Amino acid sequence: MAISLAHVNTKATLVFMGVFANGEAIHTAFAKIADAKKIYAATFEMLGGLTEVEFTEYDFINKIRKPPLVFARPLEILSGHGTISRLNDEPHVHTHLTLSFRDESALNGIAIIGGHAARAIAFAVEFTLTVYDGVPVNRAMHEGTGLQLWNLPAF
């Protein structure tokens, strides 16, 4: 088992609240905020509505991304969370979403979907952004998984 760990809020923790609306691309918007506010480590929570989402899945066995699944319809965020770190000195936004939508063929008329969101387009999304002002969190290739994971000291 490999464990890595770092204390990242050595100075302060800052909390921002905001809104994405009218077709704003969530990943791009968080990256823009990270650049403007010089954010190197953060977490976020969000709720609201989307008009489109693209989910991708990583095949752990073959170490490849499967083809994306795109849903373009009104979608309600039941749970939305993620992180902002750095990859190649650029903001890296990692987002997971659980969404619902009306579907008469689904049990009780509601379908639930979720996973790793590679892209999401906001109708109206409220978010809280918690920034850890201290140690930057950078990503690097992790040999055991084939993923770009946080590059933190061994525990």
N, C-alpha and C. Protein backbone atom coordinates (compact mmCIF):
# COMPACT_ATOMS: atom_id res chain seq x y z
N MET A 1 0.85 -1.18 0.00
CA MET A 1 0.00 0.00 0.00
C MET A 1 0.89 1.24 0.00
N ALA A 2 0.55 2.22 -0.82
CA ALA A 2 1.32 3.46 -0.89
C ALA A 2 0.46 4.60 -0.39
N ILE A 3 0.98 5.34 0.54
CA ILE A 3 0.29 6.50 1.10
C ILE A 3 1.21 7.70 0.97
N SER A 4 0.64 8.83 0.52
CA SER A 4 1.38 10.10 0.53
C SER A 4 0.50 11.14 1.20
N LEU A 5 1.14 12.16 1.78
CA LEU A 5 0.40 13.11 2.60
C LEU A 5 1.18 14.41 2.72
N ALA A 6 0.47 15.54 2.71
CA ALA A 6 1.10 16.84 2.93
C ALA A 6 0.13 17.77 3.64
N HIS A 7 0.64 18.59 4.54
CA HIS A 7 -0.14 19.64 5.19
C HIS A 7 -0.14 20.84 4.24
N VAL A 8 -1.30 21.17 3.65
CA VAL A 8 -1.32 22.17 2.59
C VAL A 8 -1.85 23.54 3.00
N ASN A 9 -2.46 23.65 4.17
CA ASN A 9 -2.97 24.98 4.56
C ASN A 9 -2.12 25.55 5.68
N THR A 10 -0.83 25.72 5.39
CA THR A 10 0.12 26.18 6.39
C THR A 10 -0.03 27.65 6.75
N LYS A 11 -0.71 28.43 5.92
CA LYS A 11 -0.90 29.85 6.19
C LYS A 11 -2.34 30.16 6.56
N ALA A 12 -3.26 29.86 5.65
CA ALA A 12 -4.67 30.21 5.88
C ALA A 12 -5.56 29.39 4.96
N THR A 13 -6.82 29.37 5.27
CA THR A 13 -7.83 28.78 4.40
C THR A 13 -8.79 29.90 4.01
N LEU A 14 -8.99 30.06 2.71
CA LEU A 14 -9.88 31.09 2.19
C LEU A 14 -11.11 30.42 1.59
N VAL A 15 -12.29 30.99 1.80
CA VAL A 15 -13.52 30.43 1.24
C VAL A 15 -14.18 31.48 0.37
N PHE A 16 -14.46 31.10 -0.88
CA PHE A 16 -15.16 31.96 -1.83
C PHE A 16 -16.50 31.30 -2.15
N MET A 17 -17.50 32.10 -2.44
CA MET A 17 -18.78 31.62 -2.92
C MET A 17 -19.04 32.30 -4.26
N GLY A 18 -19.61 31.55 -5.21
CA GLY A 18 -19.83 32.14 -6.52
C GLY A 18 -20.91 31.44 -7.31
N VAL A 19 -21.15 31.94 -8.51
CA VAL A 19 -22.16 31.41 -9.42
C VAL A 19 -21.57 31.32 -10.82
N PHE A 20 -21.86 30.19 -11.49
CA PHE A 20 -21.61 30.04 -12.92
C PHE A 20 -22.99 29.95 -13.58
N ALA A 21 -23.20 30.67 -14.68
CA ALA A 21 -24.50 30.65 -15.34
C ALA A 21 -24.34 30.86 -16.84
N ASN A 22 -25.47 30.69 -17.55
CA ASN A 22 -25.58 31.05 -18.96
C ASN A 22 -24.54 30.40 -19.86
N GLY A 23 -24.30 29.10 -19.70
CA GLY A 23 -23.41 28.39 -20.60
C GLY A 23 -21.95 28.42 -20.24
N GLU A 24 -21.62 28.87 -19.04
CA GLU A 24 -20.22 28.89 -18.60
C GLU A 24 -19.71 27.44 -18.48
N ALA A 25 -18.54 27.17 -19.04
CA ALA A 25 -17.92 25.85 -18.92
C ALA A 25 -17.23 25.78 -17.56
N ILE A 26 -17.67 24.86 -16.72
CA ILE A 26 -17.24 24.82 -15.32
C ILE A 26 -15.74 24.63 -15.16
N HIS A 27 -15.14 23.70 -15.89
CA HIS A 27 -13.71 23.45 -15.74
C HIS A 27 -12.89 24.70 -16.14
N THR A 28 -13.27 25.29 -17.25
CA THR A 28 -12.58 26.49 -17.73
C THR A 28 -12.76 27.65 -16.74
N ALA A 29 -13.96 27.78 -16.18
CA ALA A 29 -14.22 28.86 -15.23
C ALA A 29 -13.40 28.70 -13.96
N PHE A 30 -13.34 27.47 -13.41
CA PHE A 30 -12.52 27.25 -12.22
C PHE A 30 -11.04 27.50 -12.51
N ALA A 31 -10.58 27.10 -13.70
CA ALA A 31 -9.17 27.35 -14.07
C ALA A 31 -8.89 28.84 -14.18
N LYS A 32 -9.84 29.60 -14.73
CA LYS A 32 -9.70 31.05 -14.85
C LYS A 32 -9.60 31.69 -13.45
N ILE A 33 -10.46 31.23 -12.53
CA ILE A 33 -10.41 31.73 -11.14
C ILE A 33 -9.08 31.37 -10.50
N ALA A 34 -8.61 30.13 -10.72
CA ALA A 34 -7.34 29.68 -10.13
C ALA A 34 -6.18 30.55 -10.61
N ASP A 35 -6.17 30.88 -11.89
CA ASP A 35 -5.11 31.76 -12.42
C ASP A 35 -5.21 33.16 -11.82
N ALA A 36 -6.41 33.72 -11.80
CA ALA A 36 -6.60 35.09 -11.33
C ALA A 36 -6.28 35.24 -9.85
N LYS A 37 -6.64 34.24 -9.05
CA LYS A 37 -6.46 34.31 -7.59
C LYS A 37 -5.19 33.60 -7.12
N LYS A 38 -4.38 33.11 -8.07
CA LYS A 38 -3.14 32.40 -7.75
C LYS A 38 -3.39 31.23 -6.79
N ILE A 39 -4.32 30.36 -7.20
CA ILE A 39 -4.71 29.20 -6.40
C ILE A 39 -3.89 27.98 -6.85
N TYR A 40 -3.25 27.33 -5.86
CA TYR A 40 -2.41 26.16 -6.14
C TYR A 40 -2.92 24.90 -5.45
N ALA A 41 -3.93 25.03 -4.60
CA ALA A 41 -4.56 23.88 -3.94
C ALA A 41 -5.93 24.33 -3.44
N ALA A 42 -6.98 23.60 -3.85
CA ALA A 42 -8.34 23.98 -3.44
C ALA A 42 -9.28 22.80 -3.60
N THR A 43 -10.40 22.90 -2.91
CA THR A 43 -11.52 21.97 -3.09
C THR A 43 -12.76 22.79 -3.37
N PHE A 44 -13.76 22.18 -4.00
CA PHE A 44 -15.01 22.89 -4.25
C PHE A 44 -16.20 21.95 -4.15
N GLU A 45 -17.33 22.57 -3.83
CA GLU A 45 -18.64 21.91 -3.81
C GLU A 45 -19.56 22.74 -4.67
N MET A 46 -20.51 22.09 -5.34
CA MET A 46 -21.43 22.86 -6.17
C MET A 46 -22.78 22.17 -6.28
N LEU A 47 -23.80 22.98 -6.58
CA LEU A 47 -25.14 22.48 -6.83
C LEU A 47 -25.79 23.39 -7.84
N GLY A 48 -26.88 22.91 -8.43
CA GLY A 48 -27.58 23.71 -9.43
C GLY A 48 -27.92 22.89 -10.64
N GLY A 49 -27.95 23.54 -11.79
CA GLY A 49 -28.37 22.88 -13.02
C GLY A 49 -27.35 23.02 -14.13
N LEU A 50 -27.27 21.97 -14.96
CA LEU A 50 -26.39 21.94 -16.12
C LEU A 50 -27.23 21.75 -17.38
N THR A 51 -26.67 22.15 -18.51
CA THR A 51 -27.32 21.88 -19.79
C THR A 51 -26.62 20.75 -20.53
N GLU A 52 -25.38 20.44 -20.11
CA GLU A 52 -24.62 19.37 -20.77
C GLU A 52 -23.51 18.90 -19.85
N VAL A 53 -23.19 17.61 -19.95
CA VAL A 53 -22.07 17.04 -19.21
C VAL A 53 -21.42 15.96 -20.05
N GLU A 54 -20.13 15.82 -19.90
CA GLU A 54 -19.37 14.74 -20.55
C GLU A 54 -18.66 13.95 -19.46
N PHE A 55 -19.02 12.67 -19.34
CA PHE A 55 -18.38 11.79 -18.37
C PHE A 55 -17.33 10.93 -19.07
N THR A 56 -16.20 10.74 -18.41
CA THR A 56 -15.20 9.79 -18.90
C THR A 56 -14.91 8.79 -17.78
N GLU A 57 -14.42 7.64 -18.20
CA GLU A 57 -14.11 6.59 -17.24
C GLU A 57 -12.73 6.04 -17.55
N TYR A 58 -11.96 5.80 -16.51
CA TYR A 58 -10.62 5.24 -16.66
C TYR A 58 -10.69 3.73 -16.47
N ASP A 59 -10.22 2.99 -17.46
CA ASP A 59 -10.16 1.53 -17.39
C ASP A 59 -8.90 1.16 -16.60
N PHE A 60 -9.09 0.74 -15.34
CA PHE A 60 -7.95 0.44 -14.46
C PHE A 60 -7.12 -0.74 -14.96
N ILE A 61 -7.74 -1.68 -15.61
CA ILE A 61 -7.03 -2.88 -16.08
C ILE A 61 -6.09 -2.54 -17.24
N ASN A 62 -6.65 -1.88 -18.26
CA ASN A 62 -5.86 -1.56 -19.46
C ASN A 62 -5.20 -0.19 -19.41
N LYS A 63 -5.47 0.57 -18.36
CA LYS A 63 -4.90 1.91 -18.15
C LYS A 63 -5.13 2.84 -19.34
N ILE A 64 -6.42 2.90 -19.75
CA ILE A 64 -6.83 3.82 -20.82
C ILE A 64 -8.16 4.44 -20.45
N ARG A 65 -8.45 5.60 -21.02
CA ARG A 65 -9.76 6.23 -20.85
C ARG A 65 -10.72 5.63 -21.86
N LYS A 66 -11.90 5.29 -21.39
CA LYS A 66 -12.95 4.79 -22.27
C LYS A 66 -13.56 5.98 -23.02
N PRO A 67 -14.25 5.73 -24.14
CA PRO A 67 -14.89 6.84 -24.87
C PRO A 67 -15.87 7.59 -23.96
N PRO A 68 -15.97 8.90 -24.12
CA PRO A 68 -16.84 9.69 -23.25
C PRO A 68 -18.32 9.42 -23.50
N LEU A 69 -19.12 9.69 -22.47
CA LEU A 69 -20.57 9.67 -22.57
C LEU A 69 -21.04 11.12 -22.41
N VAL A 70 -21.80 11.63 -23.38
CA VAL A 70 -22.25 13.02 -23.35
C VAL A 70 -23.77 13.03 -23.17
N PHE A 71 -24.22 13.85 -22.21
CA PHE A 71 -25.65 14.05 -21.97
C PHE A 71 -25.94 15.53 -22.17
N ALA A 72 -26.77 15.85 -23.15
CA ALA A 72 -27.15 17.23 -23.45
C ALA A 72 -28.64 17.35 -23.20
N ARG A 73 -28.98 17.82 -22.00
CA ARG A 73 -30.38 17.96 -21.58
C ARG A 73 -30.36 18.66 -20.23
N PRO A 74 -31.50 19.10 -19.72
CA PRO A 74 -31.53 19.68 -18.37
C PRO A 74 -31.11 18.62 -17.33
N LEU A 75 -30.12 18.95 -16.52
CA LEU A 75 -29.57 18.05 -15.51
C LEU A 75 -29.46 18.77 -14.18
N GLU A 76 -29.91 18.14 -13.11
CA GLU A 76 -29.84 18.72 -11.77
C GLU A 76 -28.65 18.12 -11.03
N ILE A 77 -27.81 18.97 -10.44
CA ILE A 77 -26.66 18.48 -9.66
C ILE A 77 -27.16 18.05 -8.29
N LEU A 78 -27.06 16.75 -8.01
CA LEU A 78 -27.38 16.24 -6.68
C LEU A 78 -26.17 16.37 -5.76
N SER A 79 -25.00 16.14 -6.33
CA SER A 79 -23.74 16.28 -5.59
C SER A 79 -22.66 16.62 -6.59
N GLY A 80 -21.93 17.68 -6.32
CA GLY A 80 -20.83 18.08 -7.18
C GLY A 80 -19.65 18.50 -6.34
N HIS A 81 -18.51 17.89 -6.61
CA HIS A 81 -17.33 18.26 -5.84
C HIS A 81 -16.07 18.02 -6.67
N GLY A 82 -14.98 18.61 -6.21
CA GLY A 82 -13.74 18.43 -6.94
C GLY A 82 -12.57 19.12 -6.27
N THR A 83 -11.47 19.10 -7.00
CA THR A 83 -10.23 19.71 -6.51
C THR A 83 -9.60 20.56 -7.61
N ILE A 84 -8.79 21.51 -7.17
CA ILE A 84 -7.93 22.27 -8.07
C ILE A 84 -6.51 22.08 -7.58
N SER A 85 -5.66 21.63 -8.49
CA SER A 85 -4.23 21.49 -8.20
C SER A 85 -3.50 21.99 -9.44
N ARG A 86 -2.24 21.64 -9.59
CA ARG A 86 -1.46 22.11 -10.74
C ARG A 86 -0.91 20.92 -11.52
N LEU A 87 -0.95 21.02 -12.83
CA LEU A 87 -0.35 20.04 -13.72
C LEU A 87 0.42 20.81 -14.78
N ASN A 88 1.71 20.58 -14.87
CA ASN A 88 2.58 21.32 -15.82
C ASN A 88 2.42 22.83 -15.62
N ASP A 89 2.36 23.25 -14.37
CA ASP A 89 2.25 24.65 -13.96
C ASP A 89 0.96 25.34 -14.43
N GLU A 90 -0.06 24.55 -14.77
CA GLU A 90 -1.37 25.07 -15.16
C GLU A 90 -2.41 24.54 -14.17
N PRO A 91 -3.52 25.27 -13.96
CA PRO A 91 -4.57 24.74 -13.09
C PRO A 91 -5.14 23.44 -13.64
N HIS A 92 -5.33 22.47 -12.76
CA HIS A 92 -5.95 21.20 -13.12
C HIS A 92 -7.22 21.05 -12.28
N VAL A 93 -8.37 21.04 -12.95
CA VAL A 93 -9.67 20.95 -12.28
C VAL A 93 -10.16 19.51 -12.42
N HIS A 94 -10.38 18.85 -11.29
CA HIS A 94 -10.83 17.45 -11.25
C HIS A 94 -12.22 17.45 -10.61
N THR A 95 -13.22 17.01 -11.39
CA THR A 95 -14.62 17.13 -10.97
C THR A 95 -15.35 15.80 -11.04
N HIS A 96 -16.12 15.51 -9.99
CA HIS A 96 -17.04 14.37 -9.99
C HIS A 96 -18.44 14.90 -9.71
N LEU A 97 -19.42 14.36 -10.44
CA LEU A 97 -20.80 14.82 -10.33
C LEU A 97 -21.76 13.64 -10.21
N THR A 98 -22.80 13.84 -9.42
CA THR A 98 -23.98 12.97 -9.44
C THR A 98 -25.13 13.85 -9.88
N LEU A 99 -25.83 13.42 -10.93
CA LEU A 99 -26.87 14.24 -11.56
C LEU A 99 -28.17 13.47 -11.67
N SER A 100 -29.29 14.21 -11.75
CA SER A 100 -30.58 13.58 -11.99
C SER A 100 -31.27 14.28 -13.15
N PHE A 101 -32.18 13.54 -13.79
CA PHE A 101 -33.03 14.12 -14.82
C PHE A 101 -34.30 13.30 -14.92
N ARG A 102 -35.36 13.92 -15.43
CA ARG A 102 -36.64 13.23 -15.59
C ARG A 102 -36.53 12.23 -16.74
N ASP A 103 -36.99 11.01 -16.46
CA ASP A 103 -37.00 9.96 -17.46
C ASP A 103 -38.17 9.05 -17.13
N GLU A 104 -39.22 9.13 -17.95
CA GLU A 104 -40.45 8.38 -17.67
C GLU A 104 -40.23 6.87 -17.63
N SER A 105 -39.17 6.38 -18.29
CA SER A 105 -38.92 4.93 -18.29
C SER A 105 -38.16 4.48 -17.03
N ALA A 106 -37.64 5.42 -16.26
CA ALA A 106 -36.89 5.09 -15.04
C ALA A 106 -37.84 4.91 -13.86
N LEU A 107 -37.40 4.18 -12.87
CA LEU A 107 -38.17 3.99 -11.65
C LEU A 107 -38.51 5.36 -11.06
N ASN A 108 -39.77 5.59 -10.77
CA ASN A 108 -40.27 6.85 -10.22
C ASN A 108 -40.07 8.06 -11.14
N GLY A 109 -39.70 7.82 -12.41
CA GLY A 109 -39.59 8.89 -13.38
C GLY A 109 -38.33 9.74 -13.28
N ILE A 110 -37.37 9.31 -12.45
CA ILE A 110 -36.11 10.06 -12.28
C ILE A 110 -34.93 9.13 -12.56
N ALA A 111 -33.99 9.58 -13.39
CA ALA A 111 -32.77 8.82 -13.65
C ALA A 111 -31.61 9.51 -12.94
N ILE A 112 -30.67 8.71 -12.46
CA ILE A 112 -29.48 9.21 -11.78
C ILE A 112 -28.25 8.75 -12.57
N ILE A 113 -27.35 9.69 -12.85
CA ILE A 113 -26.09 9.38 -13.52
C ILE A 113 -24.97 10.07 -12.76
N GLY A 114 -23.75 9.60 -12.96
CA GLY A 114 -22.65 10.26 -12.28
C GLY A 114 -21.31 9.68 -12.66
N GLY A 115 -20.27 10.37 -12.21
CA GLY A 115 -18.92 9.92 -12.45
C GLY A 115 -17.96 11.08 -12.59
N HIS A 116 -16.84 10.78 -13.24
CA HIS A 116 -15.80 11.77 -13.50
C HIS A 116 -16.26 12.65 -14.66
N ALA A 117 -16.46 13.93 -14.38
CA ALA A 117 -16.92 14.87 -15.40
C ALA A 117 -15.72 15.54 -16.06
N ALA A 118 -15.55 15.27 -17.34
CA ALA A 118 -14.47 15.90 -18.11
C ALA A 118 -14.88 17.29 -18.60
N ARG A 119 -16.20 17.51 -18.68
CA ARG A 119 -16.72 18.80 -19.15
C ARG A 119 -18.13 18.94 -18.62
N ALA A 120 -18.50 20.15 -18.22
CA ALA A 120 -19.85 20.42 -17.74
C ALA A 120 -20.20 21.87 -18.08
N ILE A 121 -21.41 22.07 -18.59
CA ILE A 121 -21.86 23.40 -19.00
C ILE A 121 -22.98 23.85 -18.06
N ALA A 122 -22.79 25.00 -17.44
CA ALA A 122 -23.72 25.50 -16.43
C ALA A 122 -24.95 26.16 -17.03
N PHE A 123 -26.10 25.83 -16.47
CA PHE A 123 -27.30 26.65 -16.63
C PHE A 123 -27.27 27.67 -15.50
N ALA A 124 -27.26 27.18 -14.26
CA ALA A 124 -27.10 28.01 -13.06
C ALA A 124 -26.50 27.12 -11.98
N VAL A 125 -25.27 27.41 -11.59
CA VAL A 125 -24.55 26.60 -10.60
C VAL A 125 -24.00 27.51 -9.51
N GLU A 126 -24.32 27.17 -8.27
CA GLU A 126 -23.74 27.87 -7.12
C GLU A 126 -22.62 27.00 -6.57
N PHE A 127 -21.52 27.64 -6.15
CA PHE A 127 -20.40 26.87 -5.65
C PHE A 127 -19.74 27.54 -4.45
N THR A 128 -19.10 26.72 -3.64
CA THR A 128 -18.18 27.21 -2.62
C THR A 128 -16.81 26.67 -2.99
N LEU A 129 -15.82 27.52 -2.90
CA LEU A 129 -14.45 27.20 -3.25
C LEU A 129 -13.58 27.44 -2.02
N THR A 130 -12.97 26.38 -1.51
CA THR A 130 -12.09 26.48 -0.34
C THR A 130 -10.65 26.39 -0.82
N VAL A 131 -9.90 27.45 -0.57
CA VAL A 131 -8.52 27.57 -1.05
C VAL A 131 -7.56 27.39 0.12
N TYR A 132 -6.57 26.52 -0.09
CA TYR A 132 -5.56 26.25 0.93
C TYR A 132 -4.32 27.05 0.56
N ASP A 133 -4.09 28.13 1.30
CA ASP A 133 -3.03 29.07 1.01
C ASP A 133 -1.76 28.63 1.72
N GLY A 134 -0.91 27.96 1.02
CA GLY A 134 0.31 27.44 1.62
C GLY A 134 1.09 26.63 0.61
N VAL A 135 1.12 25.33 0.79
CA VAL A 135 1.90 24.45 -0.05
C VAL A 135 1.15 24.15 -1.36
N PRO A 136 1.76 24.39 -2.52
CA PRO A 136 1.12 24.04 -3.78
C PRO A 136 0.98 22.52 -3.90
N VAL A 137 -0.09 22.08 -4.55
CA VAL A 137 -0.28 20.66 -4.83
C VAL A 137 -0.12 20.48 -6.34
N ASN A 138 0.94 19.76 -6.72
CA ASN A 138 1.23 19.51 -8.13
C ASN A 138 0.94 18.06 -8.47
N ARG A 139 0.57 17.82 -9.72
CA ARG A 139 0.31 16.47 -10.20
C ARG A 139 1.50 15.96 -10.99
N ALA A 140 1.71 14.64 -10.92
CA ALA A 140 2.77 13.99 -11.69
C ALA A 140 2.32 12.56 -12.00
N MET A 141 2.93 11.97 -13.00
CA MET A 141 2.58 10.61 -13.40
C MET A 141 2.87 9.64 -12.25
N HIS A 142 1.87 8.84 -11.92
CA HIS A 142 1.99 7.80 -10.89
C HIS A 142 2.16 6.47 -11.63
N GLU A 143 3.32 5.87 -11.50
CA GLU A 143 3.63 4.66 -12.28
C GLU A 143 2.67 3.51 -12.00
N GLY A 144 2.24 3.34 -10.77
CA GLY A 144 1.38 2.22 -10.43
C GLY A 144 0.00 2.27 -11.04
N THR A 145 -0.51 3.47 -11.32
CA THR A 145 -1.88 3.60 -11.84
C THR A 145 -1.94 4.12 -13.27
N GLY A 146 -0.90 4.79 -13.73
CA GLY A 146 -0.94 5.41 -15.05
C GLY A 146 -1.70 6.73 -15.06
N LEU A 147 -1.98 7.27 -13.86
CA LEU A 147 -2.73 8.52 -13.73
C LEU A 147 -1.81 9.65 -13.27
N GLN A 148 -2.23 10.86 -13.57
CA GLN A 148 -1.54 12.06 -13.06
C GLN A 148 -2.12 12.35 -11.67
N LEU A 149 -1.47 11.87 -10.61
CA LEU A 149 -1.96 12.04 -9.25
C LEU A 149 -1.19 13.13 -8.54
N TRP A 150 -1.70 13.53 -7.36
CA TRP A 150 -0.99 14.52 -6.55
C TRP A 150 0.40 13.97 -6.21
N ASN A 151 1.38 14.80 -6.40
CA ASN A 151 2.77 14.43 -6.12
C ASN A 151 3.12 14.93 -4.71
N LEU A 152 2.83 14.10 -3.71
CA LEU A 152 3.01 14.47 -2.31
C LEU A 152 4.06 13.57 -1.68
N PRO A 153 4.66 14.03 -0.57
CA PRO A 153 5.68 13.21 0.10
C PRO A 153 5.10 11.89 0.63
N ALA A 154 5.95 10.88 0.69
CA ALA A 154 5.53 9.59 1.26
C ALA A 154 5.19 9.76 2.73
N PHE A 155 4.21 9.02 3.17
CA PHE A 155 3.74 9.08 4.55
C PHE A 155 4.60 8.19 5.44
